[in-house]
Amino acid sequence: MSSDVASEIAANESTPTNWGAVAEFDIDAMTSNNSRFAEDEALHVLFYIKPSISQTLSDAAKRPIYEDVEQVKIFTPGEKRSIIDRPATDIDMSRFKVQYERFKAGKEEQQSGTPLHFLPGLSASKVEEYKYSKILTVEQLAGASDGAGQAFMGFSADKKRAQAYLRLADARAPVAEVDERLSAENETLKLQLETLQKQIDSIVSTKKRSGKKTTEVETD
């Protein structure tokens, strides 16, 4: 291999890929189909703004210049030492799309899922205890590691209760959908019957007025 070819290969390998220039690169497709992100639902994710000094602008202005930088914090519920805190990337925004959209909408609480207080049998104090360790939803409690649960009394029972709740919710989802559809159909039928009754009342009323006028003419 010539030295020129070797130099060109080395240069190419050392240059980062500019994914923004790759037309076929779809970040949303990559994050949704990547098995690495399969457990993301169990994570607690928070986007926020952090003022960060811009060295370039500060040097030019001869004074400190700060810019707002979008950051992301990723917690593994129940594991206080497992925290990622860094500038948010396009992949983060796609990977945690729901949380990011809520952040952009100005919502303080960005986590998706069923809040823990909906779980039957879980006291308010226990909800607050789990909340302190960033376990905020039934889904997060159901997916929390047993290692993380060592800090909580009755964790195993709570986790099983959360898993049972989700199984029951999944089983009831089709039934709830049917109930909702039937309720909508019943409401539509009710409105149709009310409309029909009004039409019948109008016809009867018209006939009565017509009959009264005929009687008056005959009498005259």
Protein backbone atom coordinates (compact mmCIF):
# COMPACT_ATOMS: atom_id res chain seq x y z
CA MET A 1 0.00 0.00 0.00
CA SER A 2 1.41 3.40 -0.98
CA SER A 3 2.02 6.07 1.63
CA ASP A 4 -0.52 8.37 -0.08
CA VAL A 5 -3.30 5.77 0.13
CA ALA A 6 -2.43 4.97 3.73
CA SER A 7 -2.54 8.67 4.62
CA GLU A 8 -5.95 9.09 2.98
CA ILE A 9 -7.40 6.09 4.86
CA ALA A 10 -6.02 7.37 8.14
CA ALA A 11 -7.52 10.81 7.51
CA ASN A 12 -10.94 9.33 6.72
CA GLU A 13 -10.93 7.15 9.83
CA SER A 14 -10.03 10.07 12.07
CA THR A 15 -12.83 12.31 10.72
CA PRO A 16 -16.13 12.00 12.66
CA THR A 17 -19.18 11.10 10.61
CA ASN A 18 -21.45 14.07 9.97
CA TRP A 19 -24.80 12.32 10.35
CA GLY A 20 -26.64 15.52 9.53
CA ALA A 21 -25.25 15.32 6.00
CA VAL A 22 -26.40 11.75 5.47
CA ALA A 23 -29.79 12.01 3.78
CA GLU A 24 -30.88 8.46 4.58
CA PHE A 25 -30.00 8.65 8.29
CA ASP A 26 -33.20 8.58 10.36
CA ILE A 27 -32.56 9.15 14.08
CA ASP A 28 -36.18 8.35 15.06
CA ALA A 29 -36.04 5.01 13.24
CA MET A 30 -32.66 4.20 14.78
CA THR A 31 -33.78 4.86 18.37
CA SER A 32 -37.18 3.14 18.03
CA ASN A 33 -35.70 -0.06 16.61
CA ASN A 34 -32.55 -0.25 18.71
CA SER A 35 -32.58 -3.02 21.34
CA ARG A 36 -30.16 -0.94 23.43
CA PHE A 37 -33.07 1.34 24.30
CA ALA A 38 -35.62 -1.38 25.06
CA GLU A 39 -35.64 -0.61 28.80
CA ASP A 40 -35.99 3.18 28.43
CA GLU A 41 -39.52 3.17 29.85
CA ALA A 42 -38.08 2.28 33.26
CA LEU A 43 -35.79 5.34 33.31
CA HIS A 44 -36.55 8.74 34.82
CA VAL A 45 -35.57 11.41 32.30
CA LEU A 46 -35.48 15.17 32.79
CA PHE A 47 -34.61 17.81 30.22
CA TYR A 48 -33.66 21.26 31.49
CA ILE A 49 -31.82 24.45 30.56
CA LYS A 50 -28.35 25.12 31.96
CA PRO A 51 -26.55 28.43 31.38
CA SER A 52 -23.12 27.62 29.96
CA ILE A 53 -20.32 30.06 29.31
CA SER A 54 -19.40 30.56 25.66
CA GLN A 55 -15.65 30.93 25.57
CA THR A 56 -15.65 32.23 21.98
CA LEU A 57 -18.26 34.93 22.62
CA SER A 58 -16.73 35.81 25.98
CA ASP A 59 -13.28 36.30 24.46
CA ALA A 60 -14.73 38.50 21.72
CA ALA A 61 -16.77 40.64 24.14
CA LYS A 62 -14.08 40.72 26.83
CA ARG A 63 -16.70 39.75 29.39
CA PRO A 64 -18.53 36.56 30.42
CA ILE A 65 -21.19 35.58 27.87
CA TYR A 66 -23.51 32.70 28.68
CA GLU A 67 -25.77 30.68 26.41
CA ASP A 68 -28.72 28.47 27.35
CA VAL A 69 -27.84 24.83 26.70
CA GLU A 70 -30.41 22.03 26.71
CA GLN A 71 -29.29 19.35 29.17
CA VAL A 72 -30.61 15.90 29.96
CA LYS A 73 -30.54 14.01 33.25
CA ILE A 74 -31.11 10.26 33.10
CA PHE A 75 -31.78 8.42 36.36
CA THR A 76 -32.09 4.68 36.93
CA PRO A 77 -34.97 4.61 39.45
CA GLY A 78 -33.88 3.47 42.89
CA GLU A 79 -30.16 3.74 42.12
CA LYS A 80 -28.99 7.14 43.31
CA ARG A 81 -25.47 6.75 41.96
CA SER A 82 -26.63 5.90 38.46
CA ILE A 83 -27.16 9.42 37.08
CA ILE A 84 -26.18 10.77 33.66
CA ASP A 85 -26.12 14.56 33.32
CA ARG A 86 -24.90 16.06 30.03
CA PRO A 87 -25.85 18.27 27.08
CA ALA A 88 -28.81 16.79 25.21
CA THR A 89 -28.14 15.32 21.77
CA ASP A 90 -30.47 14.75 18.82
CA ILE A 91 -30.51 11.08 19.77
CA ASP A 92 -31.65 11.96 23.32
CA MET A 93 -34.45 14.12 21.91
CA SER A 94 -35.64 11.25 19.72
CA ARG A 95 -35.00 8.49 22.24
CA PHE A 96 -36.98 10.34 24.95
CA LYS A 97 -39.38 12.08 22.61
CA VAL A 98 -42.33 12.31 25.02
CA GLN A 99 -40.24 13.85 27.80
CA TYR A 100 -38.57 16.26 25.39
CA GLU A 101 -41.88 17.43 23.93
CA ARG A 102 -43.21 18.06 27.44
CA PHE A 103 -40.05 19.99 28.30
CA LYS A 104 -40.47 22.17 25.19
CA ALA A 105 -44.12 22.72 26.14
CA GLY A 106 -42.99 24.10 29.48
CA LYS A 107 -44.21 21.23 31.62
CA GLU A 108 -42.22 20.67 34.80
CA GLU A 109 -43.23 17.01 35.10
CA GLN A 110 -42.01 15.22 31.98
CA GLN A 111 -42.24 11.58 32.99
CA SER A 112 -44.80 9.42 31.19
CA GLY A 113 -46.64 6.50 32.75
CA THR A 114 -49.19 5.83 35.48
CA PRO A 115 -48.43 7.86 38.65
CA LEU A 116 -47.67 5.69 41.66
CA HIS A 117 -50.60 7.04 43.68
CA PHE A 118 -52.94 5.11 41.33
CA LEU A 119 -51.49 1.81 42.58
CA PRO A 120 -53.93 0.27 45.10
CA GLY A 121 -52.45 -0.53 48.50
CA LEU A 122 -49.56 1.94 48.28
CA SER A 123 -49.67 4.54 51.04
CA ALA A 124 -49.01 8.24 50.44
CA SER A 125 -45.84 8.06 52.53
CA LYS A 126 -44.56 5.12 50.46
CA VAL A 127 -45.27 7.06 47.26
CA GLU A 128 -43.13 9.93 48.58
CA GLU A 129 -40.40 7.50 49.61
CA TYR A 130 -40.20 6.04 46.12
CA LYS A 131 -40.45 9.52 44.60
CA TYR A 132 -37.30 10.54 46.46
CA SER A 133 -35.45 7.79 44.59
CA LYS A 134 -36.97 8.83 41.23
CA ILE A 135 -39.45 5.96 41.09
CA LEU A 136 -42.48 7.99 40.01
CA THR A 137 -44.67 5.64 38.00
CA VAL A 138 -46.17 2.18 38.26
CA GLU A 139 -44.13 1.20 35.20
CA GLN A 140 -40.87 2.26 36.87
CA LEU A 141 -41.69 0.37 40.07
CA ALA A 142 -42.58 -2.77 38.08
CA GLY A 143 -39.27 -2.57 36.21
CA ALA A 144 -37.00 -1.51 39.08
CA SER A 145 -34.09 -3.84 39.85
CA ASP A 146 -34.10 -5.94 43.00
CA GLY A 147 -30.81 -4.31 43.93
CA ALA A 148 -32.44 -0.89 43.91
CA GLY A 149 -35.27 -2.24 46.04
CA GLN A 150 -33.01 -3.18 48.94
CA ALA A 151 -33.40 0.35 50.29
CA PHE A 152 -37.17 -0.04 50.72
CA MET A 153 -39.24 -2.07 53.17
CA GLY A 154 -41.75 -4.29 51.38
CA PHE A 155 -40.25 -3.54 47.97
CA SER A 156 -40.75 -7.05 46.60
CA ALA A 157 -44.48 -7.00 47.39
CA ASP A 158 -44.85 -3.50 45.95
CA LYS A 159 -43.06 -4.50 42.75
CA LYS A 160 -45.25 -7.58 42.31
CA ARG A 161 -48.35 -5.46 42.93
CA ALA A 162 -47.19 -3.00 40.25
CA GLN A 163 -46.55 -5.82 37.77
CA ALA A 164 -49.97 -7.33 38.49
CA TYR A 165 -51.60 -3.91 38.04
CA LEU A 166 -50.01 -3.49 34.60
CA ARG A 167 -51.01 -7.03 33.54
CA LEU A 168 -54.59 -6.34 34.59
CA ALA A 169 -54.58 -2.98 32.79
CA ASP A 170 -53.32 -4.63 29.60
CA ALA A 171 -56.02 -7.30 29.86
CA ARG A 172 -58.77 -4.74 30.44
CA ALA A 173 -57.66 -2.38 27.65
CA PRO A 174 -59.67 -4.16 24.88
CA VAL A 175 -62.72 -4.35 27.17
CA ALA A 176 -62.46 -0.65 27.99
CA GLU A 177 -62.22 0.14 24.29
CA VAL A 178 -65.40 -1.83 23.57
CA ASP A 179 -67.18 -0.14 26.50
CA GLU A 180 -66.18 3.27 25.20
CA ARG A 181 -67.37 2.47 21.69
CA LEU A 182 -70.71 1.12 22.96
CA SER A 183 -71.16 4.17 25.15
CA ALA A 184 -70.58 6.43 22.14
CA GLU A 185 -73.04 4.40 20.04
CA ASN A 186 -75.65 4.56 22.82
CA GLU A 187 -75.25 8.32 23.03
CA THR A 188 -75.68 8.61 19.26
CA LEU A 189 -78.81 6.42 19.38
CA LYS A 190 -80.20 8.52 22.22
CA LEU A 191 -79.76 11.70 20.19
CA GLN A 192 -81.40 10.08 17.16
CA LEU A 193 -84.41 9.01 19.24
CA GLU A 194 -84.73 12.49 20.73
CA THR A 195 -84.65 14.00 17.23
CA LEU A 196 -87.27 11.51 16.00
CA GLN A 197 -89.52 12.27 18.99
CA LYS A 198 -89.29 16.00 18.25
CA GLN A 199 -90.27 15.34 14.63
CA ILE A 200 -93.27 13.23 15.73
CA ASP A 201 -94.36 15.90 18.24
CA SER A 202 -94.10 18.53 15.51
CA ILE A 203 -96.26 16.48 13.10
CA VAL A 204 -98.88 15.81 15.79
CA SER A 205 -98.95 19.48 16.75
CA THR A 206 -99.35 20.53 13.12
CA LYS A 207 -102.25 18.08 12.62
CA LYS A 208 -104.00 19.35 15.74
CA ARG A 209 -103.77 22.95 14.56
CA SER A 210 -105.01 21.92 11.10
CA GLY A 211 -107.95 19.99 12.58
CA LYS A 212 -108.91 22.93 14.76
CA LYS A 213 -109.01 25.30 11.78
CA THR A 214 -111.23 22.86 9.80
CA THR A 215 -113.73 22.67 12.67
CA GLU A 216 -113.91 26.46 12.92
CA VAL A 217 -114.66 26.77 9.17
CA GLU A 218 -117.46 24.20 9.31
CA THR A 219 -119.03 25.97 12.28
CA ASP A 220 -119.05 29.26 10.44
